[in-house]
Amino acid sequence: MMVHHAAVVSLGQLHAQPELVVPALMRDFRSTDTLLHSLILTSLAQFEGKARESVRMVVEALKDTDQNVSNAAAFALKEIDPEAASKAGVK
């Protein structure tokens, strides 16, 4: 699992090929691993506006009971779509 986590972090740091990486990260979000969820959200944030297709998923993650996940979602939403973040009440 640690390799998977490291790969997600690396993909965010590279923030290359968003047309391939963003959908792959979104698919991985189906996992039940909350640490992975936080890492995915942080990686998506690094794609900024190129990750707009993930906005709906990120908004849903704001409701997560795990505070690390909901905080990562708030950060990601502000980076990906500041207007959507404002509408969702993220400051």
Protein backbone atom coordinates (compact mmCIF):
# COMPACT_ATOMS: atom_id res chain seq x y z
CA MET A 1 0.00 0.00 0.00
CA MET A 2 2.86 2.40 0.69
CA VAL A 3 3.95 2.13 -2.93
CA HIS A 4 0.45 3.13 -4.02
CA HIS A 5 0.54 6.12 -1.66
CA ALA A 6 3.96 7.16 -2.98
CA ALA A 7 2.76 6.86 -6.57
CA VAL A 8 -0.24 9.12 -5.89
CA VAL A 9 2.00 11.73 -4.26
CA SER A 10 4.45 11.56 -7.17
CA LEU A 11 1.71 12.00 -9.75
CA GLY A 12 0.59 15.16 -8.00
CA GLN A 13 4.12 16.51 -7.78
CA LEU A 14 4.68 15.91 -11.48
CA HIS A 15 1.24 17.31 -12.39
CA ALA A 16 1.74 16.13 -15.96
CA GLN A 17 -0.79 14.62 -18.36
CA PRO A 18 -3.90 15.65 -16.43
CA GLU A 19 -6.12 14.06 -19.08
CA LEU A 20 -4.78 10.66 -17.95
CA VAL A 21 -3.85 11.21 -14.33
CA VAL A 22 -6.92 13.04 -13.02
CA PRO A 23 -9.38 10.29 -14.08
CA ALA A 24 -7.03 7.64 -12.66
CA LEU A 25 -6.83 9.44 -9.32
CA MET A 26 -10.60 9.77 -9.28
CA ARG A 27 -10.98 6.02 -9.84
CA ASP A 28 -8.60 5.32 -6.95
CA PHE A 29 -10.80 7.44 -4.69
CA ARG A 30 -13.25 4.51 -4.55
CA SER A 31 -10.86 2.90 -2.08
CA THR A 32 -11.79 2.78 1.60
CA ASP A 33 -8.29 3.97 2.61
CA THR A 34 -8.72 7.44 4.15
CA LEU A 35 -5.00 8.21 3.93
CA LEU A 36 -5.17 7.45 0.22
CA HIS A 37 -8.18 9.76 -0.07
CA SER A 38 -6.22 12.62 1.52
CA LEU A 39 -3.24 12.00 -0.75
CA ILE A 40 -5.44 11.87 -3.85
CA LEU A 41 -7.12 15.15 -2.94
CA THR A 42 -3.75 16.81 -2.34
CA SER A 43 -2.47 15.49 -5.66
CA LEU A 44 -5.57 16.72 -7.49
CA ALA A 45 -5.02 20.16 -5.98
CA GLN A 46 -1.63 20.32 -7.68
CA PHE A 47 -3.35 20.08 -11.05
CA GLU A 48 -5.34 23.21 -10.21
CA GLY A 49 -7.87 24.08 -12.95
CA LYS A 50 -6.83 21.07 -15.01
CA ALA A 51 -8.62 18.87 -12.46
CA ARG A 52 -12.05 20.52 -12.82
CA GLU A 53 -13.67 17.19 -13.68
CA SER A 54 -13.03 16.15 -10.07
CA VAL A 55 -14.95 19.05 -8.50
CA ARG A 56 -18.09 17.04 -7.76
CA MET A 57 -16.05 14.30 -6.07
CA VAL A 58 -14.05 16.88 -4.10
CA VAL A 59 -17.21 18.65 -2.92
CA GLU A 60 -18.56 15.30 -1.70
CA ALA A 61 -15.29 14.70 0.16
CA LEU A 62 -15.90 17.91 2.14
CA LYS A 63 -18.56 15.92 4.02
CA ASP A 64 -16.18 13.11 5.00
CA THR A 65 -16.13 12.39 8.72
CA ASP A 66 -12.35 12.00 8.65
CA GLN A 67 -11.04 15.52 9.26
CA ASN A 68 -7.85 14.88 7.26
CA VAL A 69 -9.95 14.02 4.23
CA SER A 70 -12.35 16.95 4.60
CA ASN A 71 -9.43 19.37 5.13
CA ALA A 72 -7.65 18.00 2.07
CA ALA A 73 -10.88 18.38 0.11
CA ALA A 74 -11.22 22.02 1.16
CA PHE A 75 -7.64 22.73 0.11
CA ALA A 76 -8.11 20.90 -3.18
CA LEU A 77 -11.35 22.67 -4.01
CA LYS A 78 -9.78 26.09 -3.44
CA GLU A 79 -6.93 25.16 -5.79
CA ILE A 80 -9.04 23.49 -8.47
CA ASP A 81 -12.03 25.82 -8.58
CA PRO A 82 -12.04 28.81 -6.21
CA GLU A 83 -15.57 29.76 -7.28
CA ALA A 84 -16.92 26.30 -6.44
CA ALA A 85 -15.06 26.47 -3.12
CA SER A 86 -16.74 29.78 -2.32
CA LYS A 87 -20.17 28.38 -3.24
CA ALA A 88 -19.50 25.38 -0.98
CA GLY A 89 -18.63 27.70 1.91
CA VAL A 90 -14.93 26.83 1.96
CA LYS A 91 -12.82 29.69 3.29
